[in-house]
Protein backbone atom coordinates (compact mmCIF):
# COMPACT_ATOMS: atom_id res chain seq x y z
CA UNK A 1 -14.31 23.77 -10.24
CA UNK A 2 -11.43 24.14 -7.12
CA UNK A 3 -8.88 21.80 -7.41
CA UNK A 4 -5.63 21.32 -5.50
CA UNK A 5 -4.40 20.44 -8.74
CA UNK A 6 -5.68 23.52 -9.97
CA UNK A 7 -2.40 26.54 -11.10
CA UNK A 8 -4.30 29.14 -9.61
CA UNK A 9 -6.94 27.62 -6.54
CA UNK A 10 -10.30 30.71 -6.23
CA UNK A 11 -10.41 29.47 -2.60
CA UNK A 12 -10.20 32.28 -0.49
CA UNK A 13 -6.35 32.75 1.17
CA UNK A 14 -6.36 31.05 4.96
CA UNK A 15 -2.97 30.69 5.88
CA UNK A 16 -1.89 28.23 9.05
CA UNK A 17 0.67 26.46 10.51
CA UNK A 18 0.92 22.58 11.35
CA UNK A 19 3.65 20.57 13.42
CA UNK A 20 4.72 16.98 13.17
CA UNK A 21 7.57 14.68 13.63
CA UNK A 22 8.90 13.05 10.87
CA UNK A 23 12.23 10.90 11.48
CA UNK A 24 13.43 12.24 14.83
CA UNK A 25 12.48 15.61 12.63
CA UNK A 26 9.82 18.68 13.79
CA UNK A 27 8.56 20.34 10.96
CA UNK A 28 6.20 23.12 11.21
CA UNK A 29 4.55 23.33 7.72
CA UNK A 30 2.48 26.16 6.05
CA UNK A 31 -0.71 25.18 4.87
CA UNK A 32 -3.64 27.02 3.29
CA UNK A 33 -6.83 26.43 1.76
CA UNK A 34 -7.40 25.27 -1.86
CA UNK A 35 -4.13 22.99 -1.14
CA UNK A 36 -3.75 18.77 -0.65
CA UNK A 37 -4.61 17.88 3.21
CA UNK A 38 -4.29 21.13 4.36
CA UNK A 39 -5.14 20.45 7.96
CA UNK A 40 -2.36 17.56 8.46
CA UNK A 41 0.53 15.85 7.01
CA UNK A 42 -1.81 12.47 4.99
CA UNK A 43 -1.06 9.14 6.05
CA UNK A 44 -0.72 8.53 2.67
CA UNK A 45 2.40 10.81 2.24
CA UNK A 46 3.24 9.76 5.68
CA UNK A 47 4.21 6.12 4.79
CA UNK A 48 5.26 7.12 1.67
CA UNK A 49 7.79 9.37 3.14
CA UNK A 50 9.29 6.43 5.88
CA UNK A 51 9.83 3.74 2.33
CA UNK A 52 11.47 6.42 0.61
CA UNK A 53 14.14 7.30 3.34
CA UNK A 54 14.77 3.57 4.14
CA UNK A 55 15.48 3.09 -0.14
CA UNK A 56 18.70 3.61 -1.79
CA UNK A 57 18.74 4.96 -4.45
CA UNK A 58 21.77 5.54 -7.12
CA UNK A 59 24.13 8.29 -7.09
CA UNK A 60 22.16 11.34 -8.04
CA UNK A 61 19.33 13.62 -7.65
CA UNK A 62 16.07 12.76 -6.28
CA UNK A 63 12.42 14.58 -7.85
CA UNK A 64 9.43 14.90 -5.45
CA UNK A 65 6.46 15.76 -8.40
CA UNK A 66 3.42 16.77 -7.25
CA UNK A 67 4.74 18.19 -4.23
CA UNK A 68 2.23 20.12 -2.27
CA UNK A 69 2.95 22.29 0.52
CA UNK A 70 6.55 19.74 0.52
CA UNK A 71 6.82 17.70 3.34
CA UNK A 72 7.48 14.61 0.93
CA UNK A 73 10.37 16.78 -0.75
CA UNK A 74 11.43 18.80 2.67
CA UNK A 75 11.70 14.93 4.72
CA UNK A 76 14.07 13.67 1.92
CA UNK A 77 15.79 16.80 1.89
CA UNK A 78 16.69 16.28 5.81
CA UNK A 79 18.13 12.55 5.94
CA UNK A 80 19.82 12.92 2.20
CA UNK A 81 21.52 15.79 2.81
CA UNK A 82 23.73 15.23 -0.34
CA UNK A 83 21.25 15.58 -2.65
CA UNK A 84 19.14 18.18 -4.26
CA UNK A 85 15.54 17.79 -4.31
CA UNK A 86 13.74 19.15 -7.36
CA UNK A 87 10.04 19.31 -6.05
CA UNK A 88 7.51 20.28 -8.47
CA UNK A 89 4.36 21.58 -8.00
CA UNK A 90 0.72 23.08 -10.94
CA UNK A 91 -0.72 24.71 -7.89
CA UNK A 92 0.80 28.37 -7.78
CA UNK A 93 -0.39 28.41 -4.07
CA UNK A 94 0.97 24.94 -2.90
CA UNK A 95 4.44 25.79 -4.90
CA UNK A 96 4.37 29.12 -2.19
CA UNK A 97 3.37 27.35 0.77
CA UNK A 98 6.30 25.01 -0.30
CA UNK A 99 9.62 27.57 -0.52
CA UNK A 100 8.32 29.16 2.60
CA UNK A 101 8.67 26.01 4.30
CA UNK A 102 11.60 25.24 3.34
CA UNK A 103 12.72 28.86 4.54
CA UNK A 104 10.94 28.02 7.84
CA UNK A 105 12.28 24.37 8.70
CA UNK A 106 16.42 25.69 7.08
CA UNK A 107 16.66 23.23 4.28
CA UNK A 108 18.53 24.74 1.44
CA UNK A 109 18.65 21.69 -0.94
CA UNK A 110 16.09 21.58 -2.70
CA UNK A 111 14.83 23.47 -6.09
CA UNK A 112 10.90 23.84 -5.90
CA UNK A 113 8.86 25.88 -8.54
CA UNK A 114 5.97 24.75 -11.05
CA UNK A 115 5.72 22.04 -13.57
CA UNK A 116 2.53 20.41 -15.26
CA UNK A 117 3.66 17.14 -14.40
CA UNK A 118 6.74 16.77 -16.14
CA UNK A 119 6.37 19.95 -18.47
CA UNK A 120 9.34 22.47 -17.34
CA UNK A 121 11.58 19.37 -15.17
CA UNK A 122 14.53 19.82 -18.32
CA UNK A 123 16.25 16.47 -19.68
CA UNK A 124 16.75 15.93 -16.10
CA UNK A 125 17.44 12.55 -15.35
CA UNK A 126 16.78 11.51 -11.46
CA UNK A 127 17.89 8.75 -8.92
CA UNK A 128 14.32 8.56 -8.00
CA UNK A 129 11.18 10.10 -8.75
CA UNK A 130 8.43 10.22 -5.44
CA UNK A 131 5.18 10.83 -5.93
CA UNK A 132 1.93 10.89 -3.90
CA UNK A 133 0.15 11.58 -7.36
CA UNK A 134 -3.44 13.95 -7.28
CA UNK A 135 -5.70 10.71 -7.29
CA UNK A 136 -8.61 13.22 -7.78
CA UNK A 137 -7.69 14.54 -11.11
CA UNK A 138 -8.19 11.54 -12.65
CA UNK A 139 -6.53 7.96 -13.26
CA UNK A 140 -5.65 9.47 -17.27
CA UNK A 141 -3.28 12.03 -15.15
CA UNK A 142 -1.72 9.39 -12.92
CA UNK A 143 -1.01 6.91 -15.21
CA UNK A 144 0.82 9.92 -17.89
CA UNK A 145 3.34 10.62 -14.01
CA UNK A 146 4.12 6.82 -14.49
CA UNK A 147 4.42 6.30 -17.99
CA UNK A 148 6.13 9.95 -18.09
CA UNK A 149 8.50 9.36 -14.91
CA UNK A 150 10.80 6.27 -16.90
CA UNK A 151 12.43 8.62 -18.82
CA UNK A 152 13.65 10.93 -16.35
CA UNK A 153 15.44 7.71 -14.36
CA UNK A 154 19.12 7.19 -14.06
CA UNK A 155 19.47 3.93 -14.74
CA UNK A 156 18.59 1.62 -11.86
CA UNK A 157 16.72 4.88 -11.04
CA UNK A 158 13.45 4.37 -8.78
CA UNK A 159 9.67 5.33 -9.52
CA UNK A 160 7.96 5.28 -5.80
CA UNK A 161 4.03 6.28 -5.28
CA UNK A 162 1.78 5.40 -2.66
CA UNK A 163 -1.01 5.05 -4.04
CA UNK A 164 -4.47 3.30 -1.88
CA UNK A 165 -5.90 0.39 -3.47
CA UNK A 166 -9.27 1.55 -3.99
CA UNK A 167 -8.16 4.51 -5.89
CA UNK A 168 -7.22 2.57 -8.25
CA UNK A 169 -3.62 0.68 -6.57
CA UNK A 170 -3.61 -2.17 -8.79
CA UNK A 171 -4.87 -0.45 -11.74
CA UNK A 172 -1.34 1.34 -10.89
CA UNK A 173 0.30 -1.87 -10.16
CA UNK A 174 -0.65 -3.31 -14.13
CA UNK A 175 0.46 0.06 -16.00
CA UNK A 176 4.11 0.87 -13.33
CA UNK A 177 4.95 -3.68 -15.00
CA UNK A 178 4.06 -2.28 -18.20
CA UNK A 179 5.45 0.48 -18.55
CA UNK A 180 8.99 -0.43 -16.55
CA UNK A 181 9.04 -4.31 -16.77
CA UNK A 182 8.53 -4.56 -12.74
CA UNK A 183 6.64 -3.30 -9.70
CA UNK A 184 7.05 -3.80 -6.61
CA UNK A 185 5.02 -3.25 -3.69
CA UNK A 186 7.70 -2.10 -0.91
CA UNK A 187 4.28 -1.23 1.88
CA UNK A 188 1.09 -1.92 2.66
CA UNK A 189 -0.96 -0.04 5.16
CA UNK A 190 -4.16 0.91 6.28
CA UNK A 191 -4.70 -0.44 2.73
CA UNK A 192 -2.27 2.52 1.58
CA UNK A 193 0.32 0.18 -1.31
CA UNK A 194 4.16 1.41 -1.65
CA UNK A 195 4.56 0.54 -5.06
CA UNK A 196 7.95 0.95 -6.54
CA UNK A 197 10.30 0.08 -10.48
CA UNK A 198 13.67 0.48 -11.27
CA UNK A 199 14.04 1.82 -14.64
C-alpha cells in the first residue's frame, strides 16, 4: 500500500503547481502524487504556520519534522530569515519537491534531507521543532516523534504540533505532558489543536 509516509511512493509522478499567500509572502509550490495534501496546502499546516510565526523561540535553528513538500519549513525560513531551518521527511518524492520549492521561492536558509523521524538528525539541538505529524502512520509513530523531540531541543526550546481533536489531539496532549511536564493548547481553530511543550 502506497502512503505519503512511504520512503518511495509507487504512484506515478504527476507534478503540478499550486499557489498560496501566507503572511504576506506569495508561494508557488510544486506538488505531486504520493505526498501529503497534494492539491492544496492543508488547513492544519496553515494554522500551525500562523502559530509558529507568532512564537518567540530561544536562539538557534528550527526543525520542520515531516516536512512534506515544504510549506511549513519554507514559511518559517521566510519569517525567521536569520535562522537556519532544517527540514526532514522519510518520503524521497516529498524531499525532492521541498528542495525544488526552496529554489522556486528563493529560500536559501534551509537544509533539507531524508530522515525517518530523528534517525538522521545528528546530535543537534533546536530552538524549536515544528510538526504536522503523519497521523495515518499511526499513534505509535506520532508518539515516538513527541517523545524523541525532547532530546533534540535546547533548554527553553519549544515543540509545536498541529493535530485534529478527532485524530488524537487529546492523547497527543497527554503524551507531551508526560514527556515535557507541561503542555499548552496555543491555538484552536476548525477542530485543529496546536499544542506546545517547552523543555
